[in-house]
Amino acid sequence: LEKVHLNRKDGIAKVAGTLLCVGGASIITLYKGPTIIRPYLTNSGNEFLLQLGSTGGKNWTLGCLFLIGHCLSWSGWLVLQAPVLKRYPARLSVTSYTCFFGVIQFLIIAAFIERDSQAWIIRSGGELFTILYA
């Protein structure tokens, strides 16, 4: 477990850097000004690029809160792994178990959210590559 020494320069730099990064990411996410990404495209056939600048139907505040919650829970999980790795030094096995149980959790949640069986069909090699890469 890493210790932070607030009476030293490196400890202050760690805390300040963390606060600056989290604060900056939160400000960018919660920013309510005009849209920053504005693709000036006509009917070029690429609907995805046209939707990048659209904010309709998105809840940025809730997304930011979920993202912060994810970061906090993931960092908490890493802190909880430290005592496990002292007693069970096979780090790759612990990582494999973490990924395996994460996939199981994902499949259970995804089965409740996406009930349409047609949405689960893999239609291209790109979709398969994305699944295997993730």
Protein backbone atom coordinates (compact mmCIF):
# COMPACT_ATOMS: atom_id res chain seq x y z
CA LEU A 1 0.00 0.00 0.00
CA GLU A 2 1.42 3.35 -1.00
CA LYS A 3 1.86 6.01 1.65
CA VAL A 4 1.40 9.71 1.01
CA HIS A 5 3.65 12.01 3.00
CA LEU A 6 1.97 15.42 3.13
CA ASN A 7 5.03 16.99 4.76
CA ARG A 8 7.18 16.28 1.68
CA LYS A 9 7.06 17.83 -1.78
CA ASP A 10 6.35 14.55 -3.58
CA GLY A 11 3.35 13.84 -1.33
CA ILE A 12 1.91 17.30 -1.92
CA ALA A 13 2.48 16.87 -5.67
CA LYS A 14 0.59 13.54 -5.66
CA VAL A 15 -2.42 15.00 -3.85
CA ALA A 16 -2.41 18.21 -5.93
CA GLY A 17 -2.09 16.26 -9.19
CA THR A 18 -4.93 13.93 -8.25
CA LEU A 19 -7.21 16.81 -7.26
CA LEU A 20 -6.31 18.75 -10.41
CA CYS A 21 -7.02 15.78 -12.71
CA VAL A 22 -10.30 14.79 -11.06
CA GLY A 23 -11.42 18.42 -10.82
CA GLY A 24 -10.53 19.13 -14.45
CA ALA A 25 -12.29 16.03 -15.71
CA SER A 26 -15.38 16.90 -13.66
CA ILE A 27 -15.44 20.48 -14.95
CA ILE A 28 -15.13 19.33 -18.55
CA THR A 29 -17.89 16.77 -18.03
CA LEU A 30 -20.27 19.09 -16.19
CA TYR A 31 -19.62 22.09 -18.46
CA LYS A 32 -22.99 23.48 -19.59
CA GLY A 33 -21.80 25.90 -22.25
CA PRO A 34 -22.13 25.58 -26.02
CA THR A 35 -21.26 22.31 -27.71
CA ILE A 36 -17.51 22.01 -28.20
CA ILE A 37 -17.59 19.36 -30.96
CA ARG A 38 -19.50 20.68 -33.97
CA PRO A 39 -19.06 18.56 -37.05
CA TYR A 40 -20.01 20.77 -39.97
CA LEU A 41 -20.96 17.97 -42.28
CA THR A 42 -23.67 17.83 -44.86
CA ASN A 43 -25.33 14.62 -45.94
CA SER A 44 -22.09 12.71 -46.34
CA GLY A 45 -23.71 9.46 -45.26
CA ASN A 46 -21.84 9.23 -41.98
CA GLU A 47 -24.56 9.64 -39.36
CA PHE A 48 -22.21 8.77 -36.50
CA LEU A 49 -20.09 11.86 -37.07
CA LEU A 50 -23.20 14.02 -37.22
CA GLN A 51 -24.36 12.71 -33.85
CA LEU A 52 -21.09 13.57 -32.07
CA GLY A 53 -22.12 17.19 -31.55
CA SER A 54 -25.65 16.32 -30.46
CA THR A 55 -26.39 16.30 -26.73
CA GLY A 56 -30.05 15.38 -26.99
CA GLY A 57 -31.17 12.57 -24.71
CA LYS A 58 -27.94 12.45 -22.72
CA ASN A 59 -27.65 13.07 -19.01
CA TRP A 60 -24.11 14.35 -18.56
CA THR A 61 -24.44 14.93 -14.83
CA LEU A 62 -25.54 11.37 -14.15
CA GLY A 63 -22.81 10.07 -16.44
CA CYS A 64 -20.19 12.09 -14.57
CA LEU A 65 -21.43 10.78 -11.23
CA PHE A 66 -21.31 7.21 -12.54
CA LEU A 67 -17.79 7.77 -13.85
CA ILE A 68 -16.58 9.21 -10.54
CA GLY A 69 -18.26 6.31 -8.71
CA HIS A 70 -16.52 3.87 -11.03
CA CYS A 71 -13.11 5.46 -10.42
CA LEU A 72 -13.62 5.47 -6.65
CA SER A 73 -14.82 1.87 -6.53
CA TRP A 74 -12.00 0.69 -8.81
CA SER A 75 -9.37 2.46 -6.71
CA GLY A 76 -10.96 0.99 -3.58
CA TRP A 77 -10.77 -2.45 -5.17
CA LEU A 78 -7.07 -1.97 -5.91
CA VAL A 79 -6.47 -0.96 -2.28
CA LEU A 80 -8.34 -4.06 -1.10
CA GLN A 81 -6.20 -6.26 -3.35
CA ALA A 82 -2.97 -5.30 -1.54
CA PRO A 83 -3.52 -7.63 1.45
CA VAL A 84 -4.66 -10.42 -0.88
CA LEU A 85 -1.49 -10.15 -2.96
CA LYS A 86 0.66 -10.39 0.18
CA ARG A 87 -0.86 -13.76 1.06
CA TYR A 88 -1.48 -14.95 -2.51
CA PRO A 89 1.43 -13.72 -4.64
CA ALA A 90 0.16 -15.02 -8.03
CA ARG A 91 -0.74 -11.58 -9.40
CA LEU A 92 -1.81 -12.79 -12.83
CA SER A 93 -4.26 -15.26 -11.31
CA VAL A 94 -5.83 -12.51 -9.19
CA THR A 95 -6.10 -10.33 -12.29
CA SER A 96 -7.65 -13.19 -14.27
CA TYR A 97 -10.19 -13.85 -11.52
CA THR A 98 -11.04 -10.14 -11.40
CA CYS A 99 -11.63 -10.04 -15.17
CA PHE A 100 -13.63 -13.29 -15.13
CA PHE A 101 -15.99 -12.17 -12.37
CA GLY A 102 -16.29 -8.76 -14.03
CA VAL A 103 -17.47 -10.46 -17.23
CA ILE A 104 -19.98 -12.52 -15.25
CA GLN A 105 -21.34 -9.34 -13.61
CA PHE A 106 -21.50 -7.63 -17.00
CA LEU A 107 -23.43 -10.50 -18.58
CA ILE A 108 -25.98 -10.55 -15.76
CA ILE A 109 -26.54 -6.79 -15.93
CA ALA A 110 -26.61 -6.78 -19.74
CA ALA A 111 -29.19 -9.59 -19.79
CA PHE A 112 -31.52 -7.44 -17.68
CA ILE A 113 -30.94 -4.26 -19.69
CA GLU A 114 -30.99 -5.66 -23.25
CA ARG A 115 -33.81 -8.18 -23.53
CA ASP A 116 -33.97 -8.23 -27.35
CA SER A 117 -32.23 -11.42 -28.51
CA GLN A 118 -31.53 -9.89 -31.95
CA ALA A 119 -29.26 -7.29 -30.34
CA TRP A 120 -26.95 -10.06 -29.08
CA ILE A 121 -26.18 -11.37 -32.58
CA ILE A 122 -22.65 -10.55 -33.77
CA ARG A 123 -22.99 -9.24 -37.32
CA SER A 124 -19.44 -8.38 -38.33
CA GLY A 125 -15.83 -9.13 -37.63
CA GLY A 126 -15.43 -5.62 -36.25
CA GLU A 127 -18.03 -6.29 -33.57
CA LEU A 128 -16.31 -9.55 -32.65
CA PHE A 129 -12.92 -7.82 -32.51
CA THR A 130 -14.35 -5.11 -30.25
CA ILE A 131 -15.78 -7.70 -27.87
CA LEU A 132 -12.55 -9.69 -27.71
CA TYR A 133 -10.43 -6.56 -27.35
CA ALA A 134 -12.53 -5.19 -24.50
